[in-house]
Amino acid sequence: MFCPKCGAPNDDNAWKCVQCLTTLQVAPPPVAGGPPVVVPNYLWQAIVCTVCCCWPLGIPAIVYAAQVNTKVVQGDIEGARNSSKNAKMWCWIALGSGIAVSLIYAAFMVISIGLHRR
C-alpha cells in the first residue's frame, strides 16, 4: 500500500504512513488491558435457598444466577449485573419465605401440643 499523501510504501495492514504519519485506514480497536469484570452470580446461595428454604422460589434464583457468567463472557456486562441483581432478590425472597413458613409451622406445632396436653 502506498501513502496517498507522500507516496511512501507501507505494509498492507498499516494504519499510518511510516514516513508522514498520515492515517491510511481506521486504527484497530484498543485492546482491553484492565482487570476482568467480576459480577457476583449468587449460584451457591440460590442452590442452598432452593434446597433448604423454598424450592418454588429458589428456582428463579438458580435460573438468573446461571445467566450471569454467560452474559459476562458475551460482553453483556449490564445484562449480567441485572441477572445478578435478580438472582440476589430471588434468594432473599426464597430465604424469607422459608423462614416464615418454618415459623408458622413451629407456631402451629406448639399450639397443637399445648391443646393436646389439656
PDB file of N, CA and C in Angstrom:
ATOM      1  N   MET A   1       0.858  -1.165   0.000  1.00  0.00           N
ATOM      2  CA  MET A   1       0.000   0.000   0.000  1.00  0.00           C
ATOM      3  C   MET A   1       0.908   1.233   0.000  1.00  0.00           C
ATOM      4  N   PHE A   2       0.574   2.164  -0.825  1.00  0.00           N
ATOM      5  CA  PHE A   2       1.339   3.402  -0.920  1.00  0.00           C
ATOM      6  C   PHE A   2       0.534   4.537  -0.294  1.00  0.00           C
ATOM      7  N   CYS A   3       1.225   5.432   0.386  1.00  0.00           N
ATOM      8  CA  CYS A   3       0.585   6.576   1.031  1.00  0.00           C
ATOM      9  C   CYS A   3       0.051   7.527  -0.041  1.00  0.00           C
ATOM     10  N   PRO A   4      -1.216   7.940   0.075  1.00  0.00           N
ATOM     11  CA  PRO A   4      -1.766   8.858  -0.922  1.00  0.00           C
ATOM     12  C   PRO A   4      -1.171  10.268  -0.811  1.00  0.00           C
ATOM     13  N   LYS A   5      -0.591  10.592   0.327  1.00  0.00           N
ATOM     14  CA  LYS A   5      -0.058  11.938   0.529  1.00  0.00           C
ATOM     15  C   LYS A   5       1.384  12.063   0.058  1.00  0.00           C
ATOM     16  N   CYS A   6       2.242  11.100   0.518  1.00  0.00           N
ATOM     17  CA  CYS A   6       3.668  11.215   0.182  1.00  0.00           C
ATOM     18  C   CYS A   6       4.143  10.134  -0.777  1.00  0.00           C
ATOM     19  N   GLY A   7       3.368   9.089  -0.987  1.00  0.00           N
ATOM     20  CA  GLY A   7       3.725   8.025  -1.912  1.00  0.00           C
ATOM     21  C   GLY A   7       4.670   6.986  -1.345  1.00  0.00           C
ATOM     22  N   ALA A   8       4.931   7.029  -0.060  1.00  0.00           N
ATOM     23  CA  ALA A   8       5.852   6.074   0.565  1.00  0.00           C
ATOM     24  C   ALA A   8       5.201   4.695   0.627  1.00  0.00           C
ATOM     25  N   PRO A   9       5.994   3.625   0.432  1.00  0.00           N
ATOM     26  CA  PRO A   9       5.435   2.272   0.546  1.00  0.00           C
ATOM     27  C   PRO A   9       5.198   1.916   2.023  1.00  0.00           C
ATOM     28  N   ASN A  10       4.083   1.252   2.268  1.00  0.00           N
ATOM     29  CA  ASN A  10       3.715   0.818   3.622  1.00  0.00           C
ATOM     30  C   ASN A  10       3.196  -0.613   3.554  1.00  0.00           C
ATOM     31  N   ASP A  11       3.145  -1.276   4.693  1.00  0.00           N
ATOM     32  CA  ASP A  11       2.535  -2.604   4.768  1.00  0.00           C
ATOM     33  C   ASP A  11       1.061  -2.502   4.417  1.00  0.00           C
ATOM     34  N   ASP A  12       0.518  -3.614   3.926  1.00  0.00           N
ATOM     35  CA  ASP A  12      -0.900  -3.614   3.555  1.00  0.00           C
ATOM     36  C   ASP A  12      -1.824  -3.424   4.757  1.00  0.00           C
ATOM     37  N   ASN A  13      -1.399  -3.852   5.944  1.00  0.00           N
ATOM     38  CA  ASN A  13      -2.251  -3.708   7.122  1.00  0.00           C
ATOM     39  C   ASN A  13      -1.838  -2.542   8.011  1.00  0.00           C
ATOM     40  N   ALA A  14      -0.956  -1.653   7.507  1.00  0.00           N
ATOM     41  CA  ALA A  14      -0.555  -0.481   8.281  1.00  0.00           C
ATOM     42  C   ALA A  14      -1.707   0.505   8.335  1.00  0.00           C
ATOM     43  N   TRP A  15      -1.851   1.171   9.466  1.00  0.00           N
ATOM     44  CA  TRP A  15      -2.930   2.135   9.576  1.00  0.00           C
ATOM     45  C   TRP A  15      -2.433   3.573   9.562  1.00  0.00           C
ATOM     46  N   LYS A  16      -1.079   3.757   9.653  1.00  0.00           N
ATOM     47  CA  LYS A  16      -0.464   5.073   9.485  1.00  0.00           C
ATOM     48  C   LYS A  16       0.763   4.945   8.605  1.00  0.00           C
ATOM     49  N   CYS A  17       1.026   5.980   7.844  1.00  0.00           N
ATOM     50  CA  CYS A  17       2.187   6.001   6.965  1.00  0.00           C
ATOM     51  C   CYS A  17       3.460   6.059   7.811  1.00  0.00           C
ATOM     52  N   VAL A  18       4.470   5.275   7.419  1.00  0.00           N
ATOM     53  CA  VAL A  18       5.721   5.251   8.176  1.00  0.00           C
ATOM     54  C   VAL A  18       6.530   6.533   7.973  1.00  0.00           C
ATOM     55  N   GLN A  19       6.275   7.269   6.910  1.00  0.00           N
ATOM     56  CA  GLN A  19       7.061   8.459   6.639  1.00  0.00           C
ATOM     57  C   GLN A  19       6.365   9.735   7.125  1.00  0.00           C
ATOM     58  N   CYS A  20       5.112   9.956   6.719  1.00  0.00           N
ATOM     59  CA  CYS A  20       4.442  11.219   7.067  1.00  0.00           C
ATOM     60  C   CYS A  20       3.360  11.072   8.132  1.00  0.00           C
ATOM     61  N   LEU A  21       3.116   9.852   8.621  1.00  0.00           N
ATOM     62  CA  LEU A  21       2.135   9.542   9.671  1.00  0.00           C
ATOM     63  C   LEU A  21       0.701   9.902   9.295  1.00  0.00           C
ATOM     64  N   THR A  22       0.409   9.919   8.000  1.00  0.00           N
ATOM     65  CA  THR A  22      -0.955  10.123   7.533  1.00  0.00           C
ATOM     66  C   THR A  22      -1.762   8.856   7.812  1.00  0.00           C
ATOM     67  N   THR A  23      -2.989   9.038   8.226  1.00  0.00           N
ATOM     68  CA  THR A  23      -3.858   7.888   8.500  1.00  0.00           C
ATOM     69  C   THR A  23      -4.228   7.218   7.188  1.00  0.00           C
ATOM     70  N   LEU A  24      -3.892   5.921   7.080  1.00  0.00           N
ATOM     71  CA  LEU A  24      -4.193   5.164   5.873  1.00  0.00           C
ATOM     72  C   LEU A  24      -5.520   4.423   5.980  1.00  0.00           C
ATOM     73  N   GLN A  25      -5.832   3.944   7.166  1.00  0.00           N
ATOM     74  CA  GLN A  25      -7.086   3.240   7.419  1.00  0.00           C
ATOM     75  C   GLN A  25      -7.442   3.420   8.887  1.00  0.00           C
ATOM     76  N   VAL A  26      -8.616   3.002   9.255  1.00  0.00           N
ATOM     77  CA  VAL A  26      -9.078   3.170  10.626  1.00  0.00           C
ATOM     78  C   VAL A  26      -8.195   2.369  11.562  1.00  0.00           C
ATOM     79  N   ALA A  27      -7.842   2.976  12.679  1.00  0.00           N
ATOM     80  CA  ALA A  27      -6.978   2.316  13.663  1.00  0.00           C
ATOM     81  C   ALA A  27      -7.681   1.118  14.283  1.00  0.00           C
ATOM     82  N   PRO A  28      -6.930   0.097  14.655  1.00  0.00           N
ATOM     83  CA  PRO A  28      -7.548  -1.059  15.319  1.00  0.00           C
ATOM     84  C   PRO A  28      -8.086  -0.657  16.685  1.00  0.00           C
ATOM     85  N   PRO A  29      -9.106  -1.355  17.158  1.00  0.00           N
ATOM     86  CA  PRO A  29      -9.658  -1.009  18.471  1.00  0.00           C
ATOM     87  C   PRO A  29      -8.640  -1.294  19.565  1.00  0.00           C
ATOM     88  N   PRO A  30      -8.642  -0.496  20.614  1.00  0.00           N
ATOM     89  CA  PRO A  30      -7.686  -0.727  21.697  1.00  0.00           C
ATOM     90  C   PRO A  30      -7.953  -2.059  22.388  1.00  0.00           C
ATOM     91  N   VAL A  31      -6.892  -2.697  22.797  1.00  0.00           N
ATOM     92  CA  VAL A  31      -7.003  -3.979  23.493  1.00  0.00           C
ATOM     93  C   VAL A  31      -7.325  -3.697  24.955  1.00  0.00           C
ATOM     94  N   ALA A  32      -8.338  -4.368  25.443  1.00  0.00           N
ATOM     95  CA  ALA A  32      -8.719  -4.177  26.842  1.00  0.00           C
ATOM     96  C   ALA A  32      -7.632  -4.761  27.724  1.00  0.00           C
ATOM     97  N   GLY A  33      -7.020  -3.924  28.513  1.00  0.00           N
ATOM     98  CA  GLY A  33      -5.939  -4.383  29.373  1.00  0.00           C
ATOM     99  C   GLY A  33      -6.263  -4.241  30.834  1.00  0.00           C
ATOM    100  N   GLY A  34      -7.473  -3.818  31.133  1.00  0.00           N
ATOM    101  CA  GLY A  34      -7.860  -3.633  32.524  1.00  0.00           C
ATOM    102  C   GLY A  34      -8.185  -4.955  33.185  1.00  0.00           C
ATOM    103  N   PRO A  35      -8.518  -4.877  34.459  1.00  0.00           N
ATOM    104  CA  PRO A  35      -8.883  -6.109  35.168  1.00  0.00           C
ATOM    105  C   PRO A  35     -10.189  -6.678  34.620  1.00  0.00           C
ATOM    106  N   PRO A  36     -10.359  -7.984  34.702  1.00  0.00           N
ATOM    107  CA  PRO A  36     -11.602  -8.588  34.207  1.00  0.00           C
ATOM    108  C   PRO A  36     -12.793  -8.130  35.044  1.00  0.00           C
ATOM    109  N   VAL A  37     -13.929  -8.069  34.413  1.00  0.00           N
ATOM    110  CA  VAL A  37     -15.146  -7.655  35.098  1.00  0.00           C
ATOM    111  C   VAL A  37     -15.661  -8.822  35.931  1.00  0.00           C
ATOM    112  N   VAL A  38     -15.892  -8.572  37.200  1.00  0.00           N
ATOM    113  CA  VAL A  38     -16.392  -9.607  38.105  1.00  0.00           C
ATOM    114  C   VAL A  38     -17.794  -9.207  38.552  1.00  0.00           C
ATOM    115  N   VAL A  39     -18.750 -10.031  38.207  1.00  0.00           N
ATOM    116  CA  VAL A  39     -20.138  -9.820  38.624  1.00  0.00           C
ATOM    117  C   VAL A  39     -20.527 -11.041  39.448  1.00  0.00           C
ATOM    118  N   PRO A  40     -20.954 -10.837  40.706  1.00  0.00           N
ATOM    119  CA  PRO A  40     -21.319 -11.998  41.530  1.00  0.00           C
ATOM    120  C   PRO A  40     -22.531 -12.711  40.949  1.00  0.00           C
ATOM    121  N   ASN A  41     -22.474 -14.048  40.943  1.00  0.00           N
ATOM    122  CA  ASN A  41     -23.597 -14.778  40.339  1.00  0.00           C
ATOM    123  C   ASN A  41     -24.551 -15.373  41.372  1.00  0.00           C
ATOM    124  N   TYR A  42     -24.192 -15.452  42.628  1.00  0.00           N
ATOM    125  CA  TYR A  42     -25.062 -15.946  43.708  1.00  0.00           C
ATOM    126  C   TYR A  42     -25.576 -17.360  43.454  1.00  0.00           C
ATOM    127  N   LEU A  43     -24.794 -18.176  42.734  1.00  0.00           N
ATOM    128  CA  LEU A  43     -25.275 -19.514  42.399  1.00  0.00           C
ATOM    129  C   LEU A  43     -25.352 -20.421  43.616  1.00  0.00           C
ATOM    130  N   TRP A  44     -24.321 -20.427  44.451  1.00  0.00           N
ATOM    131  CA  TRP A  44     -24.373 -21.334  45.589  1.00  0.00           C
ATOM    132  C   TRP A  44     -25.455 -20.902  46.578  1.00  0.00           C
ATOM    133  N   GLN A  45     -25.676 -19.585  46.722  1.00  0.00           N
ATOM    134  CA  GLN A  45     -26.745 -19.117  47.601  1.00  0.00           C
ATOM    135  C   GLN A  45     -28.106 -19.542  47.051  1.00  0.00           C
ATOM    136  N   ALA A  46     -28.257 -19.472  45.731  1.00  0.00           N
ATOM    137  CA  ALA A  46     -29.523 -19.873  45.111  1.00  0.00           C
ATOM    138  C   ALA A  46     -29.782 -21.358  45.322  1.00  0.00           C
ATOM    139  N   ILE A  47     -28.731 -22.158  45.203  1.00  0.00           N
ATOM    140  CA  ILE A  47     -28.890 -23.609  45.404  1.00  0.00           C
ATOM    141  C   ILE A  47     -29.249 -23.917  46.852  1.00  0.00           C
ATOM    142  N   VAL A  48     -28.577 -23.273  47.795  1.00  0.00           N
ATOM    143  CA  VAL A  48     -28.876 -23.503  49.214  1.00  0.00           C
ATOM    144  C   VAL A  48     -30.302 -23.068  49.541  1.00  0.00           C
ATOM    145  N   CYS A  49     -30.721 -21.913  49.047  1.00  0.00           N
ATOM    146  CA  CYS A  49     -32.086 -21.450  49.297  1.00  0.00           C
ATOM    147  C   CYS A  49     -33.115 -22.384  48.678  1.00  0.00           C
ATOM    148  N   THR A  50     -32.792 -22.933  47.509  1.00  0.00           N
ATOM    149  CA  THR A  50     -33.725 -23.845  46.850  1.00  0.00           C
ATOM    150  C   THR A  50     -33.854 -25.143  47.636  1.00  0.00           C
ATOM    151  N   VAL A  51     -32.744 -25.691  48.085  1.00  0.00           N
ATOM    152  CA  VAL A  51     -32.760 -26.981  48.784  1.00  0.00           C
ATOM    153  C   VAL A  51     -33.291 -26.837  50.208  1.00  0.00           C
ATOM    154  N   CYS A  52     -32.884 -25.795  50.918  1.00  0.00           N
ATOM    155  CA  CYS A  52     -33.195 -25.698  52.352  1.00  0.00           C
ATOM    156  C   CYS A  52     -34.389 -24.817  52.698  1.00  0.00           C
ATOM    157  N   CYS A  53     -34.756 -23.914  51.845  1.00  0.00           N
ATOM    158  CA  CYS A  53     -35.793 -22.944  52.244  1.00  0.00           C
ATOM    159  C   CYS A  53     -37.098 -23.138  51.485  1.00  0.00           C
ATOM    160  N   CYS A  54     -37.108 -22.739  50.235  1.00  0.00           N
ATOM    161  CA  CYS A  54     -38.358 -22.756  49.481  1.00  0.00           C
ATOM    162  C   CYS A  54     -38.031 -23.015  48.018  1.00  0.00           C
ATOM    163  N   TRP A  55     -38.200 -24.251  47.578  1.00  0.00           N
ATOM    164  CA  TRP A  55     -37.769 -24.597  46.226  1.00  0.00           C
ATOM    165  C   TRP A  55     -38.538 -23.896  45.123  1.00  0.00           C
ATOM    166  N   PRO A  56     -39.852 -23.627  45.259  1.00  0.00           N
ATOM    167  CA  PRO A  56     -40.508 -22.940  44.138  1.00  0.00           C
ATOM    168  C   PRO A  56     -39.962 -21.536  43.899  1.00  0.00           C
ATOM    169  N   LEU A  57     -39.525 -20.872  44.963  1.00  0.00           N
ATOM    170  CA  LEU A  57     -38.984 -19.527  44.811  1.00  0.00           C
ATOM    171  C   LEU A  57     -37.467 -19.535  44.603  1.00  0.00           C
ATOM    172  N   GLY A  58     -36.830 -20.663  44.838  1.00  0.00           N
ATOM    173  CA  GLY A  58     -35.395 -20.764  44.601  1.00  0.00           C
ATOM    174  C   GLY A  58     -35.050 -21.059  43.157  1.00  0.00           C
ATOM    175  N   ILE A  59     -35.977 -21.638  42.421  1.00  0.00           N
ATOM    176  CA  ILE A  59     -35.722 -21.974  41.015  1.00  0.00           C
ATOM    177  C   ILE A  59     -35.433 -20.733  40.171  1.00  0.00           C
ATOM    178  N   PRO A  60     -36.218 -19.642  40.295  1.00  0.00           N
ATOM    179  CA  PRO A  60     -35.844 -18.451  39.523  1.00  0.00           C
ATOM    180  C   PRO A  60     -34.478 -17.902  39.914  1.00  0.00           C
ATOM    181  N   ALA A  61     -34.106 -18.046  41.180  1.00  0.00           N
ATOM    182  CA  ALA A  61     -32.782 -17.593  41.617  1.00  0.00           C
ATOM    183  C   ALA A  61     -31.688 -18.376  40.906  1.00  0.00           C
ATOM    184  N   ILE A  62     -31.861 -19.683  40.770  1.00  0.00           N
ATOM    185  CA  ILE A  62     -30.875 -20.505  40.063  1.00  0.00           C
ATOM    186  C   ILE A  62     -30.815 -20.128  38.589  1.00  0.00           C
ATOM    187  N   VAL A  63     -31.965 -19.885  37.979  1.00  0.00           N
ATOM    188  CA  VAL A  63     -32.002 -19.536  36.557  1.00  0.00           C
ATOM    189  C   VAL A  63     -31.260 -18.229  36.316  1.00  0.00           C
ATOM    190  N   TYR A  64     -31.552 -17.197  37.124  1.00  0.00           N
ATOM    191  CA  TYR A  64     -30.866 -15.915  36.951  1.00  0.00           C
ATOM    192  C   TYR A  64     -29.380 -16.034  37.266  1.00  0.00           C
ATOM    193  N   ALA A  65     -29.035 -16.811  38.297  1.00  0.00           N
ATOM    194  CA  ALA A  65     -27.628 -16.975  38.659  1.00  0.00           C
ATOM    195  C   ALA A  65     -26.841 -17.667  37.551  1.00  0.00           C
ATOM    196  N   ALA A  66     -27.483 -18.602  36.869  1.00  0.00           N
ATOM    197  CA  ALA A  66     -26.806 -19.315  35.782  1.00  0.00           C
ATOM    198  C   ALA A  66     -26.577 -18.421  34.567  1.00  0.00           C
ATOM    199  N   GLN A  67     -27.329 -17.357  34.423  1.00  0.00           N
ATOM    200  CA  GLN A  67     -27.180 -16.458  33.283  1.00  0.00           C
ATOM    201  C   GLN A  67     -26.016 -15.484  33.427  1.00  0.00           C
ATOM    202  N   VAL A  68     -25.550 -15.245  34.642  1.00  0.00           N
ATOM    203  CA  VAL A  68     -24.579 -14.174  34.888  1.00  0.00           C
ATOM    204  C   VAL A  68     -23.269 -14.411  34.148  1.00  0.00           C
ATOM    205  N   ASN A  69     -22.633 -15.562  34.351  1.00  0.00           N
ATOM    206  CA  ASN A  69     -21.326 -15.806  33.731  1.00  0.00           C
ATOM    207  C   ASN A  69     -21.407 -15.842  32.211  1.00  0.00           C
ATOM    208  N   THR A  70     -22.482 -16.374  31.682  1.00  0.00           N
ATOM    209  CA  THR A  70     -22.644 -16.407  30.225  1.00  0.00           C
ATOM    210  C   THR A  70     -22.713 -14.998  29.656  1.00  0.00           C
ATOM    211  N   LYS A  71     -23.446 -14.124  30.320  1.00  0.00           N
ATOM    212  CA  LYS A  71     -23.561 -12.751  29.841  1.00  0.00           C
ATOM    213  C   LYS A  71     -22.250 -11.991  29.969  1.00  0.00           C
ATOM    214  N   VAL A  72     -21.467 -12.277  31.007  1.00  0.00           N
ATOM    215  CA  VAL A  72     -20.157 -11.626  31.143  1.00  0.00           C
ATOM    216  C   VAL A  72     -19.246 -12.047  29.998  1.00  0.00           C
ATOM    217  N   VAL A  73     -19.232 -13.328  29.672  1.00  0.00           N
ATOM    218  CA  VAL A  73     -18.395 -13.831  28.579  1.00  0.00           C
ATOM    219  C   VAL A  73     -18.822 -13.228  27.243  1.00  0.00           C
ATOM    220  N   GLN A  74     -20.123 -13.030  27.052  1.00  0.00           N
ATOM    221  CA  GLN A  74     -20.626 -12.445  25.809  1.00  0.00           C
ATOM    222  C   GLN A  74     -20.396 -10.940  25.744  1.00  0.00           C
ATOM    223  N   GLY A  75     -19.965 -10.338  26.847  1.00  0.00           N
ATOM    224  CA  GLY A  75     -19.708  -8.901  26.877  1.00  0.00           C
ATOM    225  C   GLY A  75     -20.902  -8.073  27.311  1.00  0.00           C
ATOM    226  N   ASP A  76     -21.994  -8.713  27.698  1.00  0.00           N
ATOM    227  CA  ASP A  76     -23.197  -8.011  28.146  1.00  0.00           C
ATOM    228  C   ASP A  76     -23.096  -7.778  29.653  1.00  0.00           C
ATOM    229  N   ILE A  77     -22.266  -6.813  30.040  1.00  0.00           N
ATOM    230  CA  ILE A  77     -21.999  -6.572  31.457  1.00  0.00           C
ATOM    231  C   ILE A  77     -23.257  -6.045  32.153  1.00  0.00           C
ATOM    232  N   GLU A  78     -23.987  -5.164  31.505  1.00  0.00           N
ATOM    233  CA  GLU A  78     -25.210  -4.627  32.116  1.00  0.00           C
ATOM    234  C   GLU A  78     -26.247  -5.732  32.297  1.00  0.00           C
ATOM    235  N   GLY A  79     -26.388  -6.606  31.321  1.00  0.00           N
ATOM    236  CA  GLY A  79     -27.300  -7.737  31.456  1.00  0.00           C
ATOM    237  C   GLY A  79     -26.869  -8.684  32.565  1.00  0.00           C
ATOM    238  N   ALA A  80     -25.545  -8.877  32.710  1.00  0.00           N
ATOM    239  CA  ALA A  80     -25.034  -9.732  33.783  1.00  0.00           C
ATOM    240  C   ALA A  80     -25.330  -9.122  35.147  1.00  0.00           C
ATOM    241  N   ARG A  81     -25.159  -7.818  35.254  1.00  0.00           N
ATOM    242  CA  ARG A  81     -25.471  -7.152  36.531  1.00  0.00           C
ATOM    243  C   ARG A  81     -26.969  -7.241  36.844  1.00  0.00           C
ATOM    244  N   ASN A  82     -27.794  -7.133  35.827  1.00  0.00           N
ATOM    245  CA  ASN A  82     -29.243  -7.247  36.025  1.00  0.00           C
ATOM    246  C   ASN A  82     -29.615  -8.660  36.470  1.00  0.00           C
ATOM    247  N   SER A  83     -29.039  -9.674  35.835  1.00  0.00           N
ATOM    248  CA  SER A  83     -29.308 -11.064  36.237  1.00  0.00           C
ATOM    249  C   SER A  83     -28.799 -11.325  37.644  1.00  0.00           C
ATOM    250  N   SER A  84     -27.651 -10.748  37.986  1.00  0.00           N
ATOM    251  CA  SER A  84     -27.098 -10.901  39.328  1.00  0.00           C
ATOM    252  C   SER A  84     -28.037 -10.289  40.372  1.00  0.00           C
ATOM    253  N   LYS A  85     -28.546  -9.111  40.058  1.00  0.00           N
ATOM    254  CA  LYS A  85     -29.478  -8.436  40.962  1.00  0.00           C
ATOM    255  C   LYS A  85     -30.751  -9.261  41.143  1.00  0.00           C
ATOM    256  N   ASN A  86     -31.263  -9.821  40.048  1.00  0.00           N
ATOM    257  CA  ASN A  86     -32.470 -10.651  40.133  1.00  0.00           C
ATOM    258  C   ASN A  86     -32.211 -11.936  40.913  1.00  0.00           C
ATOM    259  N   ALA A  87     -31.049 -12.548  40.711  1.00  0.00           N
ATOM    260  CA  ALA A  87     -30.715 -13.767  41.462  1.00  0.00           C
ATOM    261  C   ALA A  87     -30.652 -13.472  42.954  1.00  0.00           C
ATOM    262  N   LYS A  88     -30.032 -12.361  43.309  1.00  0.00           N
ATOM    263  CA  LYS A  88     -29.936 -11.975  44.719  1.00  0.00           C
ATOM    264  C   LYS A  88     -31.330 -11.726  45.306  1.00  0.00           C
ATOM    265  N   MET A  89     -32.179 -11.032  44.553  1.00  0.00           N
ATOM    266  CA  MET A  89     -33.533 -10.747  45.019  1.00  0.00           C
ATOM    267  C   MET A  89     -34.311 -12.041  45.268  1.00  0.00           C
ATOM    268  N   TRP A  90     -34.249 -12.997  44.316  1.00  0.00           N
ATOM    269  CA  TRP A  90     -34.980 -14.250  44.474  1.00  0.00           C
ATOM    270  C   TRP A  90     -34.408 -15.091  45.606  1.00  0.00           C
ATOM    271  N   CYS A  91     -33.101 -14.992  45.857  1.00  0.00           N
ATOM    272  CA  CYS A  91     -32.518 -15.696  47.013  1.00  0.00           C
ATOM    273  C   CYS A  91     -33.112 -15.165  48.314  1.00  0.00           C
ATOM    274  N   TRP A  92     -33.201 -13.839  48.420  1.00  0.00           N
ATOM    275  CA  TRP A  92     -33.774 -13.255  49.633  1.00  0.00           C
ATOM    276  C   TRP A  92     -35.253 -13.605  49.784  1.00  0.00           C
ATOM    277  N   ILE A  93     -35.981 -13.593  48.680  1.00  0.00           N
ATOM    278  CA  ILE A  93     -37.401 -13.949  48.742  1.00  0.00           C
ATOM    279  C   ILE A  93     -37.559 -15.406  49.185  1.00  0.00           C
ATOM    280  N   ALA A  94     -36.757 -16.307  48.618  1.00  0.00           N
ATOM    281  CA  ALA A  94     -36.836 -17.722  48.990  1.00  0.00           C
ATOM    282  C   ALA A  94     -36.448 -17.921  50.456  1.00  0.00           C
ATOM    283  N   LEU A  95     -35.402 -17.238  50.899  1.00  0.00           N
ATOM    284  CA  LEU A  95     -34.971 -17.356  52.289  1.00  0.00           C
ATOM    285  C   LEU A  95     -36.043 -16.832  53.238  1.00  0.00           C
ATOM    286  N   GLY A  96     -36.579 -15.661  52.939  1.00  0.00           N
ATOM    287  CA  GLY A  96     -37.621 -15.088  53.795  1.00  0.00           C
ATOM    288  C   GLY A  96     -38.866 -15.945  53.835  1.00  0.00           C
ATOM    289  N   SER A  97     -39.270 -16.474  52.689  1.00  0.00           N
ATOM    290  CA  SER A  97     -40.452 -17.339  52.645  1.00  0.00           C
ATOM    291  C   SER A  97     -40.219 -18.624  53.420  1.00  0.00           C
ATOM    292  N   GLY A  98     -39.017 -19.192  53.273  1.00  0.00           N
ATOM    293  CA  GLY A  98     -38.704 -20.417  54.010  1.00  0.00           C
ATOM    294  C   GLY A  98     -38.715 -20.200  55.512  1.00  0.00           C
ATOM    295  N   ILE A  99     -38.163 -19.086  55.955  1.00  0.00           N
ATOM    296  CA  ILE A  99     -38.162 -18.777  57.388  1.00  0.00           C
ATOM    297  C   ILE A  99     -39.585 -18.526  57.876  1.00  0.00           C
ATOM    298  N   ALA A 100     -40.374 -17.790  57.103  1.00  0.00           N
ATOM    299  CA  ALA A 100     -41.754 -17.503  57.500  1.00  0.00           C
ATOM    300  C   ALA A 100     -42.571 -18.787  57.611  1.00  0.00           C
ATOM    301  N   VAL A 101     -42.467 -19.666  56.636  1.00  0.00           N
ATOM    302  CA  VAL A 101     -43.210 -20.926  56.665  1.00  0.00           C
ATOM    303  C   VAL A 101     -42.749 -21.784  57.841  1.00  0.00           C
ATOM    304  N   SER A 102     -41.453 -21.806  58.119  1.00  0.00           N
ATOM    305  CA  SER A 102     -40.942 -22.579  59.256  1.00  0.00           C
ATOM    306  C   SER A 102     -41.465 -22.034  60.576  1.00  0.00           C
ATOM    307  N   LEU A 103     -41.507 -20.713  60.709  1.00  0.00           N
ATOM    308  CA  LEU A 103     -42.027 -20.123  61.948  1.00  0.00           C
ATOM    309  C   LEU A 103     -43.523 -20.396  62.115  1.00  0.00           C
ATOM    310  N   ILE A 104     -44.274 -20.311  61.049  1.00  0.00           N
ATOM    311  CA  ILE A 104     -45.711 -20.610  61.116  1.00  0.00           C
ATOM    312  C   ILE A 104     -45.928 -22.074  61.478  1.00  0.00           C
ATOM    313  N   TYR A 105     -45.137 -22.954  60.877  1.00  0.00           N
ATOM    314  CA  TYR A 105     -45.240 -24.384  61.190  1.00  0.00           C
ATOM    315  C   TYR A 105     -44.900 -24.639  62.659  1.00  0.00           C
ATOM    316  N   ALA A 106     -43.828 -24.002  63.151  1.00  0.00           N
ATOM    317  CA  ALA A 106     -43.435 -24.181  64.551  1.00  0.00           C
ATOM    318  C   ALA A 106     -44.523 -23.656  65.484  1.00  0.00           C
ATOM    319  N   ALA A 107     -45.136 -22.539  65.127  1.00  0.00           N
ATOM    320  CA  ALA A 107     -46.205 -21.992  65.965  1.00  0.00           C
ATOM    321  C   ALA A 107     -47.397 -22.952  66.010  1.00  0.00           C
ATOM    322  N   PHE A 108     -47.778 -23.513  64.890  1.00  0.00           N
ATOM    323  CA  PHE A 108     -48.872 -24.488  64.873  1.00  0.00           C
ATOM    324  C   PHE A 108     -48.526 -25.726  65.696  1.00  0.00           C
ATOM    325  N   MET A 109     -47.292 -26.159  65.621  1.00  0.00           N
ATOM    326  CA  MET A 109     -46.883 -27.329  66.404  1.00  0.00           C
ATOM    327  C   MET A 109     -46.955 -27.042  67.901  1.00  0.00           C
ATOM    328  N   VAL A 110     -46.485 -25.868  68.313  1.00  0.00           N
ATOM    329  CA  VAL A 110     -46.533 -25.508  69.732  1.00  0.00           C
ATOM    330  C   VAL A 110     -47.980 -25.399  70.193  1.00  0.00           C
ATOM    331  N   ILE A 111     -48.816 -24.782  69.373  1.00  0.00           N
ATOM    332  CA  ILE A 111     -50.229 -24.642  69.740  1.00  0.00           C
ATOM    333  C   ILE A 111     -50.912 -26.009  69.808  1.00  0.00           C
ATOM    334  N   SER A 112     -50.621 -26.875  68.834  1.00  0.00           N
ATOM    335  CA  SER A 112     -51.268 -28.197  68.841  1.00  0.00           C
ATOM    336  C   SER A 112     -50.783 -29.054  70.001  1.00  0.00           C
ATOM    337  N   ILE A 113     -49.524 -28.944  70.360  1.00  0.00           N
ATOM    338  CA  ILE A 113     -49.029 -29.698  71.522  1.00  0.00           C
ATOM    339  C   ILE A 113     -49.663 -29.159  72.795  1.00  0.00           C
ATOM    340  N   GLY A 114     -49.800 -27.840  72.874  1.00  0.00           N
ATOM    341  CA  GLY A 114     -50.450 -27.234  74.047  1.00  0.00           C
ATOM    342  C   GLY A 114     -51.902 -27.639  74.164  1.00  0.00           C
ATOM    343  N   LEU A 115     -52.614 -27.720  73.071  1.00  0.00           N
ATOM    344  CA  LEU A 115     -54.021 -28.145  73.099  1.00  0.00           C
ATOM    345  C   LEU A 115     -54.157 -29.622  73.393  1.00  0.00           C
ATOM    346  N   HIS A 116     -53.208 -30.408  72.940  1.00  0.00           N
ATOM    347  CA  HIS A 116     -53.257 -31.858  73.164  1.00  0.00           C
ATOM    348  C   HIS A 116     -53.011 -32.210  74.625  1.00  0.00           C
ATOM    349  N   ARG A 117     -52.275 -31.432  75.345  1.00  0.00           N
ATOM    350  CA  ARG A 117     -51.964 -31.728  76.738  1.00  0.00           C
ATOM    351  C   ARG A 117     -53.107 -31.381  77.659  1.00  0.00           C
ATOM    352  N   ARG A 118     -54.054 -30.649  77.226  1.00  0.00           N
ATOM    353  CA  ARG A 118     -55.172 -30.271  78.111  1.00  0.00           C
ATOM    354  C   ARG A 118     -56.079 -31.397  78.335  1.00  0.00           C
TER     355      ARG A 118
END
